[in-house]
Amino acid sequence: MVSRADDRAFARWWWTVDRTLLASLMALIALGLFISFAASPPIAERHGLSSYYFVLRHVLFAIPAVIIMISFSFLSPRQVRRVALVMFALALIGVILTLFIGVEVKGSRRWLSLAGFTIQPAEFIKPAFVVLVAFLFSEGAKRPDVPGKLLAIFLLAIVIAPLVAQPDFGQAMLIALVWSAMIFLAGLQWRWVFGLGFLGIGGIVSAYTLLPHVARRINAFLDPNNVANYQVNRSIESFVNGGWFGEGPGEGIVKRRLPDSHTDFVFAVTAEEFGIVVCGIIVILFAIVVLRGLTHALKEYDPFVRLSLCGLILLFGGQAFINMAVNLQLMPAKGMTLPFISYGGSSLLAVGMGMGFALALARRRPSAIRFTAARGVLA
């Protein structure tokens, strides 16, 4: 038992961290490891690998993801900004390098091959981008001489451009949506909200017109009989077969016909083998993380911490929502993992970093003077 009187770093961390938020994140990681035993073996066997090849690699990345998440949760807000700046610079260089020396998979250059591992830099740029944008918005609000919103628009452009060039429209769209939510929370006037909305619609129309792979995915979504809907149709079949309580661990058959059963469609494998009840538990865990994070943000008086926390939680929840919506044929396919559940080293490590930032920012911090936003008096 850790005493409240203990002044060591771990004791201070233990009594200030949101243990409910931490427990929910750890539960998602544990579920991801458990579900990996069901979703990964068929893919490994199809590639001539040992049955538990992807399971072992999932464990290999999950362990450092947990270590990183907990380590980052010890950071102060100032340290979060500094780590995010370094992380953003390295990730942006990596994203640009993918355009020239990236590994091409299914027509996209999103990965770099380093020391036998493939790394997706776009995964790491997302949490760092959110923190930096929050800093620009907060500084712009505090100091009229700092063009925070203008710099944030520039930052968005230099991130979106190489992602669209890869092409990775799904990640670009997620980043743009989170950025839009953050600029709204930062105090954007309504005319700018409508302007950005029309700009977003124009971007989608342009992508549909100019990017063939985007047009194919949207057309496939609108036509259920399109051959490109093969994985999505198998996903729906998994939900139908699994029912409320599933076919049982290892008893699923649809996963053997799903090329991305361990990554983009792991939620469908969960439905077939463990049932809608377990899928509901996963949804509840994601909801707890989102609600706890946003609750902390609403109570926060520091604009940087408030915006950062909102952005990181919306990034986490938005990615989960998109993945599950694709599995249920509610959105066009995006090629996006389910945080902490899907297989993917870059995703696990990057989400661990992002949630480490969120845990650090959500910690209770003593303050000598607080002002209520509504009254402007001492709290």
Protein backbone atom coordinates (compact mmCIF):
# COMPACT_ATOMS: atom_id res chain seq x y z
CA MET A 1 0.00 0.00 0.00
CA VAL A 2 1.32 3.42 -0.98
CA SER A 3 1.02 6.00 1.80
CA ARG A 4 -0.24 9.49 1.07
CA ALA A 5 2.58 10.80 3.24
CA ASP A 6 5.20 9.16 0.98
CA ASP A 7 7.02 11.89 -0.96
CA ARG A 8 8.67 9.64 -3.55
CA ALA A 9 7.88 10.14 -7.27
CA PHE A 10 5.88 6.91 -7.57
CA ALA A 11 3.75 7.74 -4.55
CA ARG A 12 2.99 11.23 -5.86
CA TRP A 13 2.12 9.70 -9.24
CA TRP A 14 -0.12 7.03 -7.69
CA TRP A 15 -2.22 9.53 -5.74
CA THR A 16 -2.58 11.99 -8.63
CA VAL A 17 -3.11 9.75 -11.67
CA ASP A 18 -6.66 8.83 -12.73
CA ARG A 19 -6.65 5.16 -11.78
CA THR A 20 -10.01 4.50 -13.47
CA LEU A 21 -8.67 5.85 -16.74
CA LEU A 22 -5.45 3.87 -16.31
CA ALA A 23 -7.33 0.66 -15.49
CA SER A 24 -9.57 1.04 -18.55
CA LEU A 25 -6.56 1.47 -20.82
CA MET A 26 -4.82 -1.55 -19.27
CA ALA A 27 -8.01 -3.60 -19.74
CA LEU A 28 -8.08 -2.69 -23.44
CA ILE A 29 -4.44 -3.76 -23.82
CA ALA A 30 -5.16 -7.06 -22.06
CA LEU A 31 -8.20 -7.68 -24.26
CA GLY A 32 -6.09 -6.94 -27.32
CA LEU A 33 -3.59 -9.62 -26.31
CA PHE A 34 -6.38 -12.11 -25.61
CA ILE A 35 -8.18 -11.44 -28.91
CA SER A 36 -4.89 -11.71 -30.79
CA PHE A 37 -4.86 -15.45 -30.00
CA ALA A 38 -8.12 -15.77 -31.96
CA ALA A 39 -7.50 -13.36 -34.83
CA SER A 40 -3.83 -13.83 -35.73
CA PRO A 41 -3.14 -17.59 -36.28
CA PRO A 42 -5.06 -17.92 -39.59
CA ILE A 43 -3.14 -14.97 -41.07
CA ALA A 44 0.19 -16.41 -39.93
CA GLU A 45 -0.61 -19.83 -41.39
CA ARG A 46 -1.70 -18.25 -44.68
CA HIS A 47 1.76 -16.63 -44.93
CA GLY A 48 3.59 -19.86 -44.05
CA LEU A 49 4.55 -18.65 -40.57
CA SER A 50 4.17 -20.33 -37.19
CA SER A 51 0.61 -20.09 -35.84
CA TYR A 52 1.48 -17.68 -33.03
CA TYR A 53 3.93 -15.50 -34.98
CA PHE A 54 1.72 -12.39 -34.86
CA VAL A 55 0.62 -13.14 -31.30
CA LEU A 56 4.22 -13.11 -30.10
CA ARG A 57 4.93 -9.91 -32.02
CA HIS A 58 1.80 -8.35 -30.51
CA VAL A 59 3.17 -9.15 -27.04
CA LEU A 60 6.58 -7.85 -28.13
CA PHE A 61 5.08 -4.43 -28.87
CA ALA A 62 2.40 -4.38 -26.15
CA ILE A 63 4.97 -4.60 -23.34
CA PRO A 64 6.97 -1.49 -24.40
CA ALA A 65 3.64 0.27 -25.17
CA VAL A 66 2.63 -0.19 -21.51
CA ILE A 67 6.06 0.92 -20.30
CA ILE A 68 5.95 4.03 -22.51
CA MET A 69 2.39 4.88 -21.47
CA ILE A 70 3.18 4.71 -17.76
CA SER A 71 6.52 6.48 -18.17
CA PHE A 72 4.93 9.34 -20.13
CA SER A 73 2.21 9.66 -17.48
CA PHE A 74 4.91 10.95 -15.06
CA LEU A 75 5.58 13.99 -17.29
CA SER A 76 4.59 17.54 -16.41
CA PRO A 77 2.65 19.62 -19.00
CA ARG A 78 5.87 21.43 -19.96
CA GLN A 79 7.67 18.12 -20.45
CA VAL A 80 4.73 16.83 -22.53
CA ARG A 81 5.22 19.79 -24.90
CA ARG A 82 8.95 19.17 -25.22
CA VAL A 83 8.59 15.44 -25.87
CA ALA A 84 5.80 16.11 -28.37
CA LEU A 85 7.99 18.61 -30.27
CA VAL A 86 10.84 16.09 -30.67
CA MET A 87 8.39 13.33 -31.52
CA PHE A 88 6.66 15.50 -34.14
CA ALA A 89 9.91 16.49 -35.84
CA LEU A 90 11.12 12.88 -36.11
CA ALA A 91 7.73 11.59 -37.25
CA LEU A 92 7.34 14.32 -39.88
CA ILE A 93 10.76 13.46 -41.31
CA GLY A 94 9.68 9.82 -41.35
CA VAL A 95 6.39 10.59 -43.13
CA ILE A 96 8.24 12.57 -45.82
CA LEU A 97 10.83 9.80 -46.23
CA THR A 98 8.07 7.25 -46.93
CA LEU A 99 7.36 9.12 -50.17
CA PHE A 100 10.88 8.32 -51.42
CA ILE A 101 12.11 5.15 -49.70
CA GLY A 102 8.90 3.80 -48.16
CA VAL A 103 7.80 0.19 -48.43
CA GLU A 104 4.90 -0.04 -50.89
CA VAL A 105 1.92 -2.12 -49.71
CA LYS A 106 -1.35 -2.25 -51.69
CA GLY A 107 -0.33 0.81 -53.70
CA SER A 108 0.53 3.01 -50.70
CA ARG A 109 3.88 4.07 -49.29
CA ARG A 110 3.18 4.40 -45.56
CA TRP A 111 5.95 2.34 -43.96
CA LEU A 112 9.70 2.54 -43.43
CA SER A 113 11.80 -0.60 -43.04
CA LEU A 114 14.29 -0.30 -40.17
CA ALA A 115 16.34 -3.15 -38.68
CA GLY A 116 13.84 -5.78 -39.77
CA PHE A 117 10.80 -3.85 -38.51
CA THR A 118 8.33 -1.79 -40.50
CA ILE A 119 7.40 1.54 -38.92
CA GLN A 120 4.44 3.72 -39.86
CA PRO A 121 5.52 7.30 -38.99
CA ALA A 122 1.99 8.67 -39.45
CA GLU A 123 0.90 6.86 -36.27
CA PHE A 124 3.47 8.76 -34.20
CA ILE A 125 2.78 12.15 -35.72
CA LYS A 126 -0.86 12.18 -34.56
CA PRO A 127 -0.50 12.57 -30.75
CA ALA A 128 2.47 14.94 -31.14
CA PHE A 129 0.51 17.06 -33.64
CA VAL A 130 -2.42 17.35 -31.22
CA VAL A 131 -0.19 18.60 -28.38
CA LEU A 132 1.57 21.16 -30.58
CA VAL A 133 -1.69 22.47 -32.02
CA ALA A 134 -3.09 22.84 -28.49
CA PHE A 135 0.02 24.83 -27.52
CA LEU A 136 -0.39 27.16 -30.52
CA PHE A 137 -4.08 27.75 -29.81
CA SER A 138 -3.47 28.40 -26.11
CA GLU A 139 -0.53 30.75 -26.74
CA GLY A 140 -2.52 32.60 -29.38
CA ALA A 141 -5.33 33.14 -26.89
CA LYS A 142 -2.98 34.40 -24.16
CA ARG A 143 -0.70 36.54 -26.34
CA PRO A 144 -2.24 38.69 -29.11
CA ASP A 145 1.18 39.00 -30.78
CA VAL A 146 1.31 35.23 -31.42
CA PRO A 147 -0.65 34.16 -34.56
CA GLY A 148 -1.63 30.86 -32.98
CA LYS A 149 -4.49 29.93 -35.31
CA LEU A 150 -2.49 30.84 -38.42
CA LEU A 151 0.46 28.71 -37.29
CA ALA A 152 -1.93 25.86 -36.47
CA ILE A 153 -3.35 26.02 -40.01
CA PHE A 154 0.21 25.89 -41.39
CA LEU A 155 0.99 22.91 -39.16
CA LEU A 156 -2.12 21.11 -40.41
CA ALA A 157 -1.11 21.72 -44.03
CA ILE A 158 2.43 20.34 -43.65
CA VAL A 159 1.04 17.19 -42.00
CA ILE A 160 -1.88 16.58 -44.35
CA ALA A 161 0.07 17.10 -47.59
CA PRO A 162 2.50 14.14 -47.29
CA LEU A 163 -0.25 11.89 -45.87
CA VAL A 164 -2.45 12.50 -48.92
CA ALA A 165 0.60 11.91 -51.15
CA GLN A 166 1.29 8.46 -49.61
CA PRO A 167 -1.80 8.12 -50.01
CA ASP A 168 -3.35 7.73 -46.54
CA PHE A 169 -6.63 9.59 -46.75
CA GLY A 170 -8.01 7.91 -43.60
CA GLN A 171 -5.29 9.25 -41.30
CA ALA A 172 -5.45 12.66 -43.00
CA MET A 173 -9.20 12.82 -42.43
CA LEU A 174 -8.89 11.80 -38.76
CA ILE A 175 -6.23 14.45 -38.12
CA ALA A 176 -8.31 17.11 -39.89
CA LEU A 177 -11.42 16.21 -37.86
CA VAL A 178 -9.56 16.38 -34.54
CA TRP A 179 -7.91 19.67 -35.56
CA SER A 180 -11.35 21.09 -36.46
CA ALA A 181 -12.75 20.07 -33.08
CA MET A 182 -9.81 21.67 -31.30
CA ILE A 183 -10.03 24.99 -33.14
CA PHE A 184 -13.76 25.07 -32.32
CA LEU A 185 -13.00 24.45 -28.63
CA ALA A 186 -10.34 27.16 -28.77
CA GLY A 187 -13.07 29.73 -29.44
CA LEU A 188 -13.65 29.86 -33.17
CA GLN A 189 -16.38 32.21 -34.39
CA TRP A 190 -19.41 30.60 -36.03
CA ARG A 191 -18.69 32.04 -39.47
CA TRP A 192 -15.33 30.30 -39.40
CA VAL A 193 -16.99 27.06 -38.27
CA PHE A 194 -19.29 27.13 -41.30
CA GLY A 195 -16.39 28.15 -43.51
CA LEU A 196 -14.29 25.21 -42.35
CA GLY A 197 -17.30 22.94 -42.80
CA PHE A 198 -17.67 23.97 -46.44
CA LEU A 199 -13.90 23.63 -46.88
CA GLY A 200 -14.08 20.09 -45.51
CA ILE A 201 -16.90 19.18 -47.87
CA GLY A 202 -14.88 20.65 -50.73
CA GLY A 203 -11.90 18.54 -49.67
CA ILE A 204 -13.95 15.34 -49.70
CA VAL A 205 -15.41 16.16 -53.14
CA SER A 206 -11.91 16.95 -54.45
CA ALA A 207 -10.54 13.70 -53.03
CA TYR A 208 -13.37 11.76 -54.64
CA THR A 209 -12.70 13.47 -57.98
CA LEU A 210 -8.90 13.43 -58.00
CA LEU A 211 -7.92 10.32 -55.99
CA PRO A 212 -9.01 7.05 -57.65
CA HIS A 213 -8.60 4.92 -54.51
CA VAL A 214 -10.89 7.27 -52.54
CA ALA A 215 -13.50 7.11 -55.30
CA ARG A 216 -13.30 3.30 -55.32
CA ARG A 217 -13.90 3.08 -51.58
CA ILE A 218 -16.81 5.50 -51.59
CA ASN A 219 -18.38 3.78 -54.61
CA ALA A 220 -17.97 0.41 -52.92
CA PHE A 221 -19.62 1.73 -49.75
CA LEU A 222 -22.60 2.98 -51.76
CA ASP A 223 -22.91 -0.34 -53.64
CA PRO A 224 -23.09 -3.34 -51.23
CA ASN A 225 -22.63 -5.78 -54.15
CA ASN A 226 -19.34 -4.20 -55.22
CA VAL A 227 -16.47 -6.72 -55.24
CA ALA A 228 -14.39 -4.25 -53.20
CA ASN A 229 -16.77 -4.85 -50.26
CA TYR A 230 -15.50 -8.41 -49.77
CA GLN A 231 -13.94 -7.82 -46.33
CA VAL A 232 -16.80 -5.64 -45.09
CA ASN A 233 -19.37 -8.27 -46.16
CA ARG A 234 -17.39 -10.97 -44.35
CA SER A 235 -17.30 -8.68 -41.31
CA ILE A 236 -21.11 -8.44 -41.25
CA GLU A 237 -21.23 -12.22 -41.65
CA SER A 238 -19.04 -12.53 -38.54
CA PHE A 239 -21.48 -10.49 -36.47
CA VAL A 240 -24.41 -12.59 -37.71
CA ASN A 241 -22.61 -15.88 -36.97
CA GLY A 242 -21.42 -14.80 -33.52
CA GLY A 243 -24.75 -13.62 -32.16
CA TRP A 244 -24.82 -12.55 -28.53
CA PHE A 245 -22.29 -14.98 -27.07
CA GLY A 246 -20.14 -16.06 -30.02
CA GLU A 247 -19.08 -19.37 -31.51
CA GLY A 248 -16.35 -19.86 -28.89
CA PRO A 249 -12.58 -19.22 -28.86
CA GLY A 250 -10.98 -20.62 -32.01
CA GLU A 251 -14.31 -21.69 -33.50
CA GLY A 252 -14.76 -18.79 -35.91
CA ILE A 253 -14.62 -19.66 -39.62
CA VAL A 254 -15.14 -16.28 -41.32
CA LYS A 255 -11.77 -15.01 -40.03
CA ARG A 256 -10.05 -17.50 -42.34
CA ARG A 257 -11.44 -15.54 -45.29
CA LEU A 258 -10.61 -12.09 -43.89
CA PRO A 259 -7.18 -10.87 -45.14
CA ASP A 260 -7.01 -8.19 -42.40
CA SER A 261 -8.67 -10.11 -39.58
CA HIS A 262 -5.87 -9.27 -37.10
CA THR A 263 -5.73 -5.55 -37.89
CA ASP A 264 -8.57 -3.56 -39.45
CA PHE A 265 -11.25 -6.22 -38.86
CA VAL A 266 -10.29 -7.58 -35.46
CA PHE A 267 -13.61 -6.26 -34.08
CA ALA A 268 -15.45 -8.59 -36.47
CA VAL A 269 -13.38 -11.58 -35.29
CA THR A 270 -14.25 -10.65 -31.71
CA ALA A 271 -17.95 -10.63 -32.64
CA GLU A 272 -17.84 -14.08 -34.23
CA GLU A 273 -15.83 -15.85 -31.54
CA PHE A 274 -16.85 -14.00 -28.36
CA GLY A 275 -20.16 -12.44 -29.33
CA ILE A 276 -21.77 -9.04 -29.25
CA VAL A 277 -21.57 -9.05 -25.42
CA VAL A 278 -17.75 -8.88 -25.49
CA CYS A 279 -17.90 -6.30 -28.29
CA GLY A 280 -20.17 -4.28 -25.99
CA ILE A 281 -17.59 -4.53 -23.18
CA ILE A 282 -14.94 -3.15 -25.55
CA VAL A 283 -17.23 -0.27 -26.51
CA ILE A 284 -17.90 0.46 -22.83
CA LEU A 285 -14.15 0.56 -22.08
CA PHE A 286 -13.58 3.01 -24.92
CA ALA A 287 -16.52 5.09 -23.66
CA ILE A 288 -15.06 5.18 -20.13
CA VAL A 289 -11.72 6.42 -21.49
CA VAL A 290 -13.41 9.12 -23.59
CA LEU A 291 -15.79 10.29 -20.87
CA ARG A 292 -13.14 10.32 -18.12
CA GLY A 293 -10.72 12.21 -20.33
CA LEU A 294 -13.27 14.82 -21.42
CA THR A 295 -14.48 15.22 -17.83
CA HIS A 296 -10.94 16.06 -16.73
CA ALA A 297 -10.60 18.48 -19.64
CA LEU A 298 -13.82 20.31 -18.72
CA LYS A 299 -12.55 20.85 -15.17
CA GLU A 300 -9.12 22.07 -16.29
CA TYR A 301 -8.32 25.80 -16.04
CA ASP A 302 -5.09 25.71 -18.09
CA PRO A 303 -6.07 26.20 -21.79
CA PHE A 304 -3.09 24.18 -23.04
CA VAL A 305 -3.89 21.20 -20.84
CA ARG A 306 -7.60 21.44 -21.63
CA LEU A 307 -7.13 21.54 -25.41
CA SER A 308 -4.39 18.90 -25.42
CA LEU A 309 -6.45 16.50 -23.35
CA CYS A 310 -9.56 17.04 -25.49
CA GLY A 311 -7.56 16.50 -28.68
CA LEU A 312 -5.82 13.33 -27.47
CA ILE A 313 -9.06 11.80 -26.21
CA LEU A 314 -10.94 12.72 -29.41
CA LEU A 315 -8.09 11.22 -31.45
CA PHE A 316 -8.27 7.98 -29.46
CA GLY A 317 -12.06 7.77 -29.46
CA GLY A 318 -12.38 8.92 -33.07
CA GLN A 319 -10.03 6.23 -34.34
CA ALA A 320 -11.91 3.57 -32.37
CA PHE A 321 -15.26 4.83 -33.69
CA ILE A 322 -14.06 4.82 -37.32
CA ASN A 323 -12.68 1.28 -37.04
CA MET A 324 -15.87 -0.10 -35.49
CA ALA A 325 -18.08 1.82 -37.94
CA VAL A 326 -16.17 0.31 -40.88
CA ASN A 327 -16.59 -3.17 -39.40
CA LEU A 328 -20.35 -2.56 -39.19
CA GLN A 329 -20.51 -1.13 -42.75
CA LEU A 330 -21.49 2.32 -41.46
CA MET A 331 -18.53 4.06 -43.15
CA PRO A 332 -16.31 3.47 -46.19
CA ALA A 333 -13.23 1.32 -45.46
CA LYS A 334 -10.38 3.42 -44.02
CA GLY A 335 -7.57 0.97 -43.19
CA MET A 336 -7.46 2.14 -39.56
CA THR A 337 -6.63 -0.01 -36.54
CA LEU A 338 -8.67 -0.37 -33.35
CA PRO A 339 -6.49 1.24 -30.62
CA PHE A 340 -4.78 -1.30 -28.33
CA ILE A 341 -6.86 -4.15 -29.82
CA SER A 342 -5.57 -4.52 -33.38
CA TYR A 343 -2.19 -5.98 -34.23
CA GLY A 344 0.36 -3.39 -35.29
CA GLY A 345 3.60 -2.33 -33.63
CA SER A 346 3.51 1.31 -34.72
CA SER A 347 -0.11 1.66 -33.66
CA LEU A 348 0.45 0.09 -30.23
CA LEU A 349 3.50 2.22 -29.45
CA ALA A 350 2.00 5.46 -30.77
CA VAL A 351 -1.31 4.98 -28.94
CA GLY A 352 0.70 4.17 -25.80
CA MET A 353 2.52 7.49 -26.19
CA GLY A 354 -0.69 9.40 -26.80
CA MET A 355 -2.46 7.89 -23.81
CA GLY A 356 0.65 8.47 -21.71
CA PHE A 357 0.36 12.17 -22.58
CA ALA A 358 -3.36 12.05 -21.68
CA LEU A 359 -2.71 10.39 -18.31
CA ALA A 360 -0.02 12.98 -17.54
CA LEU A 361 -2.30 15.90 -18.40
CA ALA A 362 -5.27 14.42 -16.50
CA ARG A 363 -3.30 14.10 -13.25
CA ARG A 364 -4.35 16.26 -10.30
CA ARG A 365 -1.89 19.11 -9.95
CA PRO A 366 -1.90 21.48 -6.96
CA SER A 367 -2.09 25.15 -7.80
CA ALA A 368 -1.57 28.08 -5.46
CA ILE A 369 -4.12 30.25 -7.23
CA ARG A 370 -7.07 29.22 -9.38
CA PHE A 371 -9.62 31.39 -11.05
CA THR A 372 -13.07 30.29 -12.04
CA ALA A 373 -13.72 30.89 -15.71
CA ALA A 374 -17.23 32.13 -15.04
CA ARG A 375 -16.67 34.64 -12.21
CA GLY A 376 -12.98 35.49 -12.36
CA VAL A 377 -12.67 35.09 -8.58
CA LEU A 378 -10.39 32.98 -6.44
CA ALA A 379 -11.46 29.32 -6.31
